[in-house]
């Protein structure tokens, strides 16, 4: 097989179901996702995890047990990103868009 194979319908449905608003806008109108201006698809598991942690009215800069747990989560996430991209050192820059990060670096 020269180019591999496509996902079967069940696997494709599972992959599509993993994202919010893939085929419809919030108002229910149909959409085709084609974005190059700071938008991106939202993986349900990532958005749900972010929401769960973002609801905590605290920050990781304090010394009590919840703050320490939040700080540990931040460090684990940074380590996970380093593993995914095989990064041996340096810094991780985060932002809402690639343009925002480029502006910050410049």
PDB file of N, CA and C in Angstrom:
ATOM      1  N   UNK A   1       0.846  -1.178   0.000  1.00  0.00           N
ATOM      2  CA  UNK A   1       0.000   0.000   0.000  1.00  0.00           C
ATOM      3  C   UNK A   1       0.890   1.238   0.000  1.00  0.00           C
ATOM      4  N   UNK A   2       0.747   2.075  -1.003  1.00  0.00           N
ATOM      5  CA  UNK A   2       1.628   3.214  -1.196  1.00  0.00           C
ATOM      6  C   UNK A   2       1.449   4.313  -0.153  1.00  0.00           C
ATOM      7  N   UNK A   3       0.216   4.626   0.244  1.00  0.00           N
ATOM      8  CA  UNK A   3      -0.030   5.767   1.120  1.00  0.00           C
ATOM      9  C   UNK A   3      -0.638   5.413   2.464  1.00  0.00           C
ATOM     10  N   UNK A   4      -0.670   4.159   2.852  1.00  0.00           N
ATOM     11  CA  UNK A   4      -1.307   3.798   4.107  1.00  0.00           C
ATOM     12  C   UNK A   4      -2.787   3.554   3.889  1.00  0.00           C
ATOM     13  N   UNK A   5      -3.566   3.605   4.964  1.00  0.00           N
ATOM     14  CA  UNK A   5      -4.997   3.379   4.807  1.00  0.00           C
ATOM     15  C   UNK A   5      -5.779   4.368   5.653  1.00  0.00           C
ATOM     16  N   UNK A   6      -7.011   4.584   5.267  1.00  0.00           N
ATOM     17  CA  UNK A   6      -7.876   5.498   5.998  1.00  0.00           C
ATOM     18  C   UNK A   6      -8.419   4.813   7.237  1.00  0.00           C
ATOM     19  N   UNK A   7      -8.861   5.604   8.203  1.00  0.00           N
ATOM     20  CA  UNK A   7      -9.510   5.046   9.390  1.00  0.00           C
ATOM     21  C   UNK A   7     -10.859   4.462   8.993  1.00  0.00           C
ATOM     22  N   UNK A   8     -11.239   3.379   9.657  1.00  0.00           N
ATOM     23  CA  UNK A   8     -12.572   2.860   9.399  1.00  0.00           C
ATOM     24  C   UNK A   8     -13.588   3.824  10.005  1.00  0.00           C
ATOM     25  N   UNK A   9     -14.866   3.641   9.665  1.00  0.00           N
ATOM     26  CA  UNK A   9     -15.900   4.596  10.090  1.00  0.00           C
ATOM     27  C   UNK A   9     -16.012   4.702  11.608  1.00  0.00           C
ATOM     28  N   UNK A  10     -15.903   3.580  12.324  1.00  0.00           N
ATOM     29  CA  UNK A  10     -16.030   3.608  13.786  1.00  0.00           C
ATOM     30  C   UNK A  10     -14.885   4.403  14.419  1.00  0.00           C
ATOM     31  N   UNK A  11     -13.659   4.178  13.951  1.00  0.00           N
ATOM     32  CA  UNK A  11     -12.511   4.912  14.491  1.00  0.00           C
ATOM     33  C   UNK A  11     -12.582   6.392  14.126  1.00  0.00           C
ATOM     34  N   UNK A  12     -13.041   6.691  12.917  1.00  0.00           N
ATOM     35  CA  UNK A  12     -13.174   8.082  12.499  1.00  0.00           C
ATOM     36  C   UNK A  12     -14.230   8.793  13.354  1.00  0.00           C
ATOM     37  N   UNK A  13     -15.334   8.115  13.638  1.00  0.00           N
ATOM     38  CA  UNK A  13     -16.381   8.703  14.487  1.00  0.00           C
ATOM     39  C   UNK A  13     -15.847   8.964  15.889  1.00  0.00           C
ATOM     40  N   UNK A  14     -15.058   8.032  16.413  1.00  0.00           N
ATOM     41  CA  UNK A  14     -14.469   8.203  17.745  1.00  0.00           C
ATOM     42  C   UNK A  14     -13.510   9.404  17.761  1.00  0.00           C
ATOM     43  N   UNK A  15     -12.699   9.534  16.725  1.00  0.00           N
ATOM     44  CA  UNK A  15     -11.762  10.659  16.637  1.00  0.00           C
ATOM     45  C   UNK A  15     -12.521  11.984  16.527  1.00  0.00           C
ATOM     46  N   UNK A  16     -13.540  12.029  15.704  1.00  0.00           N
ATOM     47  CA  UNK A  16     -14.318  13.256  15.534  1.00  0.00           C
ATOM     48  C   UNK A  16     -15.045  13.630  16.815  1.00  0.00           C
ATOM     49  N   UNK A  17     -15.516  12.639  17.559  1.00  0.00           N
ATOM     50  CA  UNK A  17     -16.251  12.886  18.799  1.00  0.00           C
ATOM     51  C   UNK A  17     -15.352  13.423  19.910  1.00  0.00           C
ATOM     52  N   UNK A  18     -14.039  13.335  19.735  1.00  0.00           N
ATOM     53  CA  UNK A  18     -13.109  13.782  20.766  1.00  0.00           C
ATOM     54  C   UNK A  18     -12.968  15.306  20.802  1.00  0.00           C
ATOM     55  N   UNK A  19     -13.541  16.019  19.823  1.00  0.00           N
ATOM     56  CA  UNK A  19     -13.396  17.471  19.727  1.00  0.00           C
ATOM     57  C   UNK A  19     -14.735  18.179  19.893  1.00  0.00           C
ATOM     58  N   UNK A  20     -14.688  19.369  20.486  1.00  0.00           N
ATOM     59  CA  UNK A  20     -15.865  20.234  20.570  1.00  0.00           C
ATOM     60  C   UNK A  20     -16.029  20.999  19.255  1.00  0.00           C
ATOM     61  N   UNK A  21     -17.267  21.230  18.858  1.00  0.00           N
ATOM     62  CA  UNK A  21     -17.622  22.112  17.743  1.00  0.00           C
ATOM     63  C   UNK A  21     -16.842  21.819  16.461  1.00  0.00           C
ATOM     64  N   UNK A  22     -16.743  20.559  16.106  1.00  0.00           N
ATOM     65  CA  UNK A  22     -16.009  20.172  14.905  1.00  0.00           C
ATOM     66  C   UNK A  22     -16.814  20.473  13.646  1.00  0.00           C
ATOM     67  N   UNK A  23     -18.104  20.171  13.652  1.00  0.00           N
ATOM     68  CA  UNK A  23     -18.938  20.316  12.465  1.00  0.00           C
ATOM     69  C   UNK A  23     -19.983  21.425  12.562  1.00  0.00           C
ATOM     70  N   UNK A  24     -20.164  21.979  13.758  1.00  0.00           N
ATOM     71  CA  UNK A  24     -21.201  23.000  13.952  1.00  0.00           C
ATOM     72  C   UNK A  24     -20.655  24.147  14.779  1.00  0.00           C
ATOM     73  N   UNK A  25     -21.146  25.328  14.476  1.00  0.00           N
ATOM     74  CA  UNK A  25     -20.838  26.509  15.275  1.00  0.00           C
ATOM     75  C   UNK A  25     -21.653  26.454  16.566  1.00  0.00           C
ATOM     76  N   UNK A  26     -21.319  27.279  17.556  1.00  0.00           N
ATOM     77  CA  UNK A  26     -22.088  27.274  18.805  1.00  0.00           C
ATOM     78  C   UNK A  26     -23.584  27.523  18.608  1.00  0.00           C
ATOM     79  N   UNK A  27     -23.946  28.230  17.539  1.00  0.00           N
ATOM     80  CA  UNK A  27     -25.369  28.486  17.285  1.00  0.00           C
ATOM     81  C   UNK A  27     -26.054  27.350  16.523  1.00  0.00           C
ATOM     82  N   UNK A  28     -25.314  26.274  16.245  1.00  0.00           N
ATOM     83  CA  UNK A  28     -25.889  25.111  15.580  1.00  0.00           C
ATOM     84  C   UNK A  28     -25.762  25.109  14.071  1.00  0.00           C
ATOM     85  N   UNK A  29     -25.306  26.203  13.490  1.00  0.00           N
ATOM     86  CA  UNK A  29     -25.139  26.225  12.038  1.00  0.00           C
ATOM     87  C   UNK A  29     -23.937  25.376  11.644  1.00  0.00           C
ATOM     88  N   UNK A  30     -23.996  24.752  10.471  1.00  0.00           N
ATOM     89  CA  UNK A  30     -22.889  23.880  10.060  1.00  0.00           C
ATOM     90  C   UNK A  30     -21.616  24.666   9.773  1.00  0.00           C
ATOM     91  N   UNK A  31     -20.494  24.015   9.928  1.00  0.00           N
ATOM     92  CA  UNK A  31     -19.214  24.646   9.647  1.00  0.00           C
ATOM     93  C   UNK A  31     -18.240  23.619   9.089  1.00  0.00           C
ATOM     94  N   UNK A  32     -17.260  24.119   8.408  1.00  0.00           N
ATOM     95  CA  UNK A  32     -16.103  23.326   7.989  1.00  0.00           C
ATOM     96  C   UNK A  32     -14.925  23.985   8.681  1.00  0.00           C
ATOM     97  N   UNK A  33     -14.175  23.233   9.451  1.00  0.00           N
ATOM     98  CA  UNK A  33     -13.066  23.832  10.190  1.00  0.00           C
ATOM     99  C   UNK A  33     -11.904  24.079   9.243  1.00  0.00           C
ATOM    100  N   UNK A  34     -11.587  25.334   9.045  1.00  0.00           N
ATOM    101  CA  UNK A  34     -10.453  25.749   8.219  1.00  0.00           C
ATOM    102  C   UNK A  34      -9.969  27.055   8.818  1.00  0.00           C
ATOM    103  N   UNK A  35      -9.004  26.974   9.690  1.00  0.00           N
ATOM    104  CA  UNK A  35      -8.625  28.129  10.496  1.00  0.00           C
ATOM    105  C   UNK A  35      -7.129  28.337  10.465  1.00  0.00           C
ATOM    106  N   UNK A  36      -6.730  29.590  10.319  1.00  0.00           N
ATOM    107  CA  UNK A  36      -5.314  29.914  10.345  1.00  0.00           C
ATOM    108  C   UNK A  36      -5.076  31.255  11.042  1.00  0.00           C
ATOM    109  N   UNK A  37      -5.993  31.652  11.903  1.00  0.00           N
ATOM    110  CA  UNK A  37      -5.868  32.975  12.519  1.00  0.00           C
ATOM    111  C   UNK A  37      -6.013  32.896  14.035  1.00  0.00           C
ATOM    112  N   UNK A  38      -5.383  31.918  14.651  1.00  0.00           N
ATOM    113  CA  UNK A  38      -5.410  31.830  16.104  1.00  0.00           C
ATOM    114  C   UNK A  38      -6.468  30.898  16.641  1.00  0.00           C
ATOM    115  N   UNK A  39      -7.342  30.390  15.801  1.00  0.00           N
ATOM    116  CA  UNK A  39      -8.344  29.439  16.264  1.00  0.00           C
ATOM    117  C   UNK A  39      -7.788  28.032  16.223  1.00  0.00           C
ATOM    118  N   UNK A  40      -8.367  27.164  17.000  1.00  0.00           N
ATOM    119  CA  UNK A  40      -7.958  25.766  16.938  1.00  0.00           C
ATOM    120  C   UNK A  40      -9.096  24.902  17.454  1.00  0.00           C
ATOM    121  N   UNK A  41      -9.076  23.658  17.057  1.00  0.00           N
ATOM    122  CA  UNK A  41     -10.051  22.711  17.566  1.00  0.00           C
ATOM    123  C   UNK A  41      -9.791  22.486  19.041  1.00  0.00           C
ATOM    124  N   UNK A  42     -10.836  22.220  19.790  1.00  0.00           N
ATOM    125  CA  UNK A  42     -10.720  21.987  21.222  1.00  0.00           C
ATOM    126  C   UNK A  42     -10.937  20.512  21.527  1.00  0.00           C
ATOM    127  N   UNK A  43      -9.888  19.866  21.993  1.00  0.00           N
ATOM    128  CA  UNK A  43      -9.984  18.477  22.409  1.00  0.00           C
ATOM    129  C   UNK A  43     -10.791  18.442  23.703  1.00  0.00           C
ATOM    130  N   UNK A  44     -11.866  17.679  23.713  1.00  0.00           N
ATOM    131  CA  UNK A  44     -12.774  17.662  24.863  1.00  0.00           C
ATOM    132  C   UNK A  44     -12.044  17.331  26.159  1.00  0.00           C
ATOM    133  N   UNK A  45     -11.199  16.319  26.155  1.00  0.00           N
ATOM    134  CA  UNK A  45     -10.514  15.905  27.385  1.00  0.00           C
ATOM    135  C   UNK A  45      -9.620  17.027  27.918  1.00  0.00           C
ATOM    136  N   UNK A  46      -8.927  17.742  27.021  1.00  0.00           N
ATOM    137  CA  UNK A  46      -8.050  18.828  27.452  1.00  0.00           C
ATOM    138  C   UNK A  46      -8.864  20.004  27.978  1.00  0.00           C
ATOM    139  N   UNK A  47      -9.942  20.360  27.273  1.00  0.00           N
ATOM    140  CA  UNK A  47     -10.776  21.480  27.713  1.00  0.00           C
ATOM    141  C   UNK A  47     -11.451  21.170  29.041  1.00  0.00           C
ATOM    142  N   UNK A  48     -11.906  19.943  29.213  1.00  0.00           N
ATOM    143  CA  UNK A  48     -12.557  19.557  30.465  1.00  0.00           C
ATOM    144  C   UNK A  48     -11.568  19.585  31.631  1.00  0.00           C
ATOM    145  N   UNK A  49     -10.340  19.121  31.396  1.00  0.00           N
ATOM    146  CA  UNK A  49      -9.310  19.149  32.434  1.00  0.00           C
ATOM    147  C   UNK A  49      -8.960  20.597  32.790  1.00  0.00           C
ATOM    148  N   UNK A  50      -8.811  21.443  31.771  1.00  0.00           N
ATOM    149  CA  UNK A  50      -8.518  22.857  32.019  1.00  0.00           C
ATOM    150  C   UNK A  50      -9.619  23.481  32.863  1.00  0.00           C
ATOM    151  N   UNK A  51     -10.872  23.214  32.513  1.00  0.00           N
ATOM    152  CA  UNK A  51     -11.999  23.792  33.254  1.00  0.00           C
ATOM    153  C   UNK A  51     -11.972  23.336  34.720  1.00  0.00           C
ATOM    154  N   UNK A  52     -11.735  22.063  34.936  1.00  0.00           N
ATOM    155  CA  UNK A  52     -11.705  21.516  36.300  1.00  0.00           C
ATOM    156  C   UNK A  52     -10.644  22.226  37.151  1.00  0.00           C
ATOM    157  N   UNK A  53      -9.462  22.431  36.581  1.00  0.00           N
ATOM    158  CA  UNK A  53      -8.379  23.077  37.328  1.00  0.00           C
ATOM    159  C   UNK A  53      -8.570  24.586  37.415  1.00  0.00           C
ATOM    160  N   UNK A  54      -9.132  25.188  36.382  1.00  0.00           N
ATOM    161  CA  UNK A  54      -9.315  26.634  36.361  1.00  0.00           C
ATOM    162  C   UNK A  54     -10.377  27.085  37.363  1.00  0.00           C
ATOM    163  N   UNK A  55     -11.273  26.197  37.757  1.00  0.00           N
ATOM    164  CA  UNK A  55     -12.304  26.540  38.744  1.00  0.00           C
ATOM    165  C   UNK A  55     -11.729  26.702  40.153  1.00  0.00           C
ATOM    166  N   UNK A  56     -10.556  26.142  40.406  1.00  0.00           N
ATOM    167  CA  UNK A  56      -9.962  26.205  41.747  1.00  0.00           C
ATOM    168  C   UNK A  56      -9.549  27.645  42.037  1.00  0.00           C
ATOM    169  N   UNK A  57     -10.125  28.249  43.088  1.00  0.00           N
ATOM    170  CA  UNK A  57      -9.828  29.652  43.386  1.00  0.00           C
ATOM    171  C   UNK A  57      -8.519  29.791  44.160  1.00  0.00           C
ATOM    172  N   UNK A  58      -7.446  29.373  43.547  1.00  0.00           N
ATOM    173  CA  UNK A  58      -6.151  29.403  44.219  1.00  0.00           C
ATOM    174  C   UNK A  58      -5.069  29.493  43.153  1.00  0.00           C
ATOM    175  N   UNK A  59      -3.835  29.588  43.562  1.00  0.00           N
ATOM    176  CA  UNK A  59      -2.732  29.603  42.615  1.00  0.00           C
ATOM    177  C   UNK A  59      -1.605  28.718  43.147  1.00  0.00           C
ATOM    178  N   UNK A  60      -0.675  28.415  42.278  1.00  0.00           N
ATOM    179  CA  UNK A  60       0.407  27.504  42.656  1.00  0.00           C
ATOM    180  C   UNK A  60       1.559  28.205  43.366  1.00  0.00           C
ATOM    181  N   UNK A  61       1.405  29.489  43.681  1.00  0.00           N
ATOM    182  CA  UNK A  61       2.487  30.229  44.316  1.00  0.00           C
ATOM    183  C   UNK A  61       2.424  30.269  45.828  1.00  0.00           C
ATOM    184  N   UNK A  62       1.478  29.563  46.406  1.00  0.00           N
ATOM    185  CA  UNK A  62       1.361  29.559  47.864  1.00  0.00           C
ATOM    186  C   UNK A  62       1.970  28.287  48.431  1.00  0.00           C
ATOM    187  N   UNK A  63       1.889  28.122  49.766  1.00  0.00           N
ATOM    188  CA  UNK A  63       2.585  26.999  50.400  1.00  0.00           C
ATOM    189  C   UNK A  63       1.670  25.940  50.990  1.00  0.00           C
ATOM    190  N   UNK A  64       0.359  26.092  50.905  1.00  0.00           N
ATOM    191  CA  UNK A  64      -0.531  25.091  51.483  1.00  0.00           C
ATOM    192  C   UNK A  64      -0.692  23.896  50.521  1.00  0.00           C
ATOM    193  N   UNK A  65      -1.238  22.779  50.989  1.00  0.00           N
ATOM    194  CA  UNK A  65      -1.266  21.540  50.196  1.00  0.00           C
ATOM    195  C   UNK A  65      -1.903  21.664  48.811  1.00  0.00           C
ATOM    196  N   UNK A  66      -3.009  22.405  48.664  1.00  0.00           N
ATOM    197  CA  UNK A  66      -3.633  22.535  47.344  1.00  0.00           C
ATOM    198  C   UNK A  66      -2.728  23.289  46.374  1.00  0.00           C
ATOM    199  N   UNK A  67      -2.090  24.346  46.866  1.00  0.00           N
ATOM    200  CA  UNK A  67      -1.177  25.107  46.016  1.00  0.00           C
ATOM    201  C   UNK A  67       0.005  24.244  45.590  1.00  0.00           C
ATOM    202  N   UNK A  68       0.514  23.431  46.508  1.00  0.00           N
ATOM    203  CA  UNK A  68       1.629  22.539  46.184  1.00  0.00           C
ATOM    204  C   UNK A  68       1.190  21.518  45.133  1.00  0.00           C
ATOM    205  N   UNK A  69      -0.038  21.004  45.266  1.00  0.00           N
ATOM    206  CA  UNK A  69      -0.564  20.060  44.269  1.00  0.00           C
ATOM    207  C   UNK A  69      -0.672  20.727  42.893  1.00  0.00           C
ATOM    208  N   UNK A  70      -1.141  21.966  42.869  1.00  0.00           N
ATOM    209  CA  UNK A  70      -1.229  22.691  41.599  1.00  0.00           C
ATOM    210  C   UNK A  70       0.156  22.904  40.993  1.00  0.00           C
ATOM    211  N   UNK A  71       1.132  23.271  41.831  1.00  0.00           N
ATOM    212  CA  UNK A  71       2.503  23.460  41.333  1.00  0.00           C
ATOM    213  C   UNK A  71       3.054  22.154  40.760  1.00  0.00           C
ATOM    214  N   UNK A  72       2.766  21.028  41.433  1.00  0.00           N
ATOM    215  CA  UNK A  72       3.213  19.722  40.933  1.00  0.00           C
ATOM    216  C   UNK A  72       2.576  19.396  39.589  1.00  0.00           C
ATOM    217  N   UNK A  73       1.306  19.762  39.402  1.00  0.00           N
ATOM    218  CA  UNK A  73       0.645  19.544  38.118  1.00  0.00           C
ATOM    219  C   UNK A  73       1.305  20.361  37.013  1.00  0.00           C
ATOM    220  N   UNK A  74       1.675  21.602  37.323  1.00  0.00           N
ATOM    221  CA  UNK A  74       2.352  22.446  36.344  1.00  0.00           C
ATOM    222  C   UNK A  74       3.682  21.810  35.940  1.00  0.00           C
ATOM    223  N   UNK A  75       4.449  21.349  36.911  1.00  0.00           N
ATOM    224  CA  UNK A  75       5.746  20.727  36.614  1.00  0.00           C
ATOM    225  C   UNK A  75       5.574  19.440  35.808  1.00  0.00           C
ATOM    226  N   UNK A  76       4.556  18.641  36.139  1.00  0.00           N
ATOM    227  CA  UNK A  76       4.306  17.414  35.383  1.00  0.00           C
ATOM    228  C   UNK A  76       3.933  17.744  33.936  1.00  0.00           C
ATOM    229  N   UNK A  77       3.104  18.765  33.748  1.00  0.00           N
ATOM    230  CA  UNK A  77       2.716  19.172  32.389  1.00  0.00           C
ATOM    231  C   UNK A  77       3.935  19.638  31.598  1.00  0.00           C
ATOM    232  N   UNK A  78       4.804  20.414  32.231  1.00  0.00           N
ATOM    233  CA  UNK A  78       6.026  20.861  31.556  1.00  0.00           C
ATOM    234  C   UNK A  78       6.896  19.671  31.177  1.00  0.00           C
ATOM    235  N   UNK A  79       7.028  18.708  32.083  1.00  0.00           N
ATOM    236  CA  UNK A  79       7.810  17.503  31.787  1.00  0.00           C
ATOM    237  C   UNK A  79       7.184  16.718  30.640  1.00  0.00           C
ATOM    238  N   UNK A  80       5.843  16.623  30.630  1.00  0.00           N
ATOM    239  CA  UNK A  80       5.159  15.906  29.554  1.00  0.00           C
ATOM    240  C   UNK A  80       5.441  16.552  28.202  1.00  0.00           C
ATOM    241  N   UNK A  81       5.422  17.888  28.154  1.00  0.00           N
ATOM    242  CA  UNK A  81       5.696  18.588  26.897  1.00  0.00           C
ATOM    243  C   UNK A  81       7.131  18.314  26.460  1.00  0.00           C
ATOM    244  N   UNK A  82       8.056  18.319  27.409  1.00  0.00           N
ATOM    245  CA  UNK A  82       9.451  18.035  27.061  1.00  0.00           C
ATOM    246  C   UNK A  82       9.599  16.621  26.486  1.00  0.00           C
ATOM    247  N   UNK A  83       8.885  15.660  27.051  1.00  0.00           N
ATOM    248  CA  UNK A  83       8.938  14.278  26.552  1.00  0.00           C
ATOM    249  C   UNK A  83       8.345  14.203  25.152  1.00  0.00           C
ATOM    250  N   UNK A  84       7.181  14.825  24.963  1.00  0.00           N
ATOM    251  CA  UNK A  84       6.510  14.774  23.660  1.00  0.00           C
ATOM    252  C   UNK A  84       7.407  15.319  22.562  1.00  0.00           C
ATOM    253  N   UNK A  85       8.085  16.430  22.829  1.00  0.00           N
ATOM    254  CA  UNK A  85       8.915  17.064  21.813  1.00  0.00           C
ATOM    255  C   UNK A  85      10.401  16.709  21.933  1.00  0.00           C
ATOM    256  N   UNK A  86      10.732  15.788  22.843  1.00  0.00           N
ATOM    257  CA  UNK A  86      12.112  15.338  23.033  1.00  0.00           C
ATOM    258  C   UNK A  86      13.047  16.512  23.328  1.00  0.00           C
ATOM    259  N   UNK A  87      12.613  17.397  24.218  1.00  0.00           N
ATOM    260  CA  UNK A  87      13.375  18.589  24.580  1.00  0.00           C
ATOM    261  C   UNK A  87      14.296  18.252  25.748  1.00  0.00           C
ATOM    262  N   UNK A  88      15.554  18.597  25.624  1.00  0.00           N
ATOM    263  CA  UNK A  88      16.533  18.301  26.675  1.00  0.00           C
ATOM    264  C   UNK A  88      16.765  19.471  27.613  1.00  0.00           C
ATOM    265  N   UNK A  89      16.391  20.679  27.220  1.00  0.00           N
ATOM    266  CA  UNK A  89      16.613  21.852  28.059  1.00  0.00           C
ATOM    267  C   UNK A  89      15.863  23.035  27.500  1.00  0.00           C
ATOM    268  N   UNK A  90      16.156  24.208  27.998  1.00  0.00           N
ATOM    269  CA  UNK A  90      15.523  25.415  27.495  1.00  0.00           C
ATOM    270  C   UNK A  90      14.255  25.768  28.245  1.00  0.00           C
ATOM    271  N   UNK A  91      13.428  26.560  27.616  1.00  0.00           N
ATOM    272  CA  UNK A  91      12.214  27.073  28.236  1.00  0.00           C
ATOM    273  C   UNK A  91      10.994  26.676  27.410  1.00  0.00           C
ATOM    274  N   UNK A  92       9.855  26.683  28.080  1.00  0.00           N
ATOM    275  CA  UNK A  92       8.588  26.448  27.402  1.00  0.00           C
ATOM    276  C   UNK A  92       7.816  27.749  27.443  1.00  0.00           C
ATOM    277  N   UNK A  93       7.420  28.236  26.280  1.00  0.00           N
ATOM    278  CA  UNK A  93       6.634  29.465  26.190  1.00  0.00           C
ATOM    279  C   UNK A  93       5.189  29.084  25.910  1.00  0.00           C
ATOM    280  N   UNK A  94       4.280  29.675  26.655  1.00  0.00           N
ATOM    281  CA  UNK A  94       2.868  29.409  26.426  1.00  0.00           C
ATOM    282  C   UNK A  94       2.148  30.698  26.084  1.00  0.00           C
ATOM    283  N   UNK A  95       1.086  30.566  25.311  1.00  0.00           N
ATOM    284  CA  UNK A  95       0.290  31.717  24.937  1.00  0.00           C
ATOM    285  C   UNK A  95      -0.970  31.262  24.247  1.00  0.00           C
ATOM    286  N   UNK A  96      -1.815  32.202  23.936  1.00  0.00           N
ATOM    287  CA  UNK A  96      -3.076  31.868  23.287  1.00  0.00           C
ATOM    288  C   UNK A  96      -2.917  31.659  21.789  1.00  0.00           C
ATOM    289  N   UNK A  97      -1.935  32.315  21.177  1.00  0.00           N
ATOM    290  CA  UNK A  97      -1.731  32.164  19.731  1.00  0.00           C
ATOM    291  C   UNK A  97      -0.235  32.136  19.430  1.00  0.00           C
ATOM    292  N   UNK A  98       0.099  31.598  18.264  1.00  0.00           N
ATOM    293  CA  UNK A  98       1.498  31.608  17.818  1.00  0.00           C
ATOM    294  C   UNK A  98       1.970  33.040  17.617  1.00  0.00           C
ATOM    295  N   UNK A  99       1.097  33.904  17.115  1.00  0.00           N
ATOM    296  CA  UNK A  99       1.465  35.317  16.910  1.00  0.00           C
ATOM    297  C   UNK A  99       1.819  35.983  18.230  1.00  0.00           C
ATOM    298  N   UNK A 100       1.048  35.692  19.267  1.00  0.00           N
ATOM    299  CA  UNK A 100       1.314  36.260  20.591  1.00  0.00           C
ATOM    300  C   UNK A 100       2.686  35.814  21.095  1.00  0.00           C
ATOM    301  N   UNK A 101       3.021  34.553  20.886  1.00  0.00           N
ATOM    302  CA  UNK A 101       4.314  34.048  21.330  1.00  0.00           C
ATOM    303  C   UNK A 101       5.463  34.677  20.545  1.00  0.00           C
ATOM    304  N   UNK A 102       5.290  34.823  19.231  1.00  0.00           N
ATOM    305  CA  UNK A 102       6.320  35.443  18.421  1.00  0.00           C
ATOM    306  C   UNK A 102       6.562  36.880  18.879  1.00  0.00           C
ATOM    307  N   UNK A 103       5.485  37.615  19.159  1.00  0.00           N
ATOM    308  CA  UNK A 103       5.607  38.989  19.644  1.00  0.00           C
ATOM    309  C   UNK A 103       6.371  39.021  20.958  1.00  0.00           C
ATOM    310  N   UNK A 104       6.069  38.101  21.857  1.00  0.00           N
ATOM    311  CA  UNK A 104       6.746  38.045  23.162  1.00  0.00           C
ATOM    312  C   UNK A 104       8.228  37.728  23.006  1.00  0.00           C
ATOM    313  N   UNK A 105       8.554  36.823  22.095  1.00  0.00           N
ATOM    314  CA  UNK A 105       9.961  36.464  21.907  1.00  0.00           C
ATOM    315  C   UNK A 105      10.753  37.601  21.292  1.00  0.00           C
ATOM    316  N   UNK A 106      10.151  38.304  20.374  1.00  0.00           N
ATOM    317  CA  UNK A 106      10.850  39.416  19.703  1.00  0.00           C
ATOM    318  C   UNK A 106      11.017  40.564  20.677  1.00  0.00           C
TER     319      UNK A 106
END
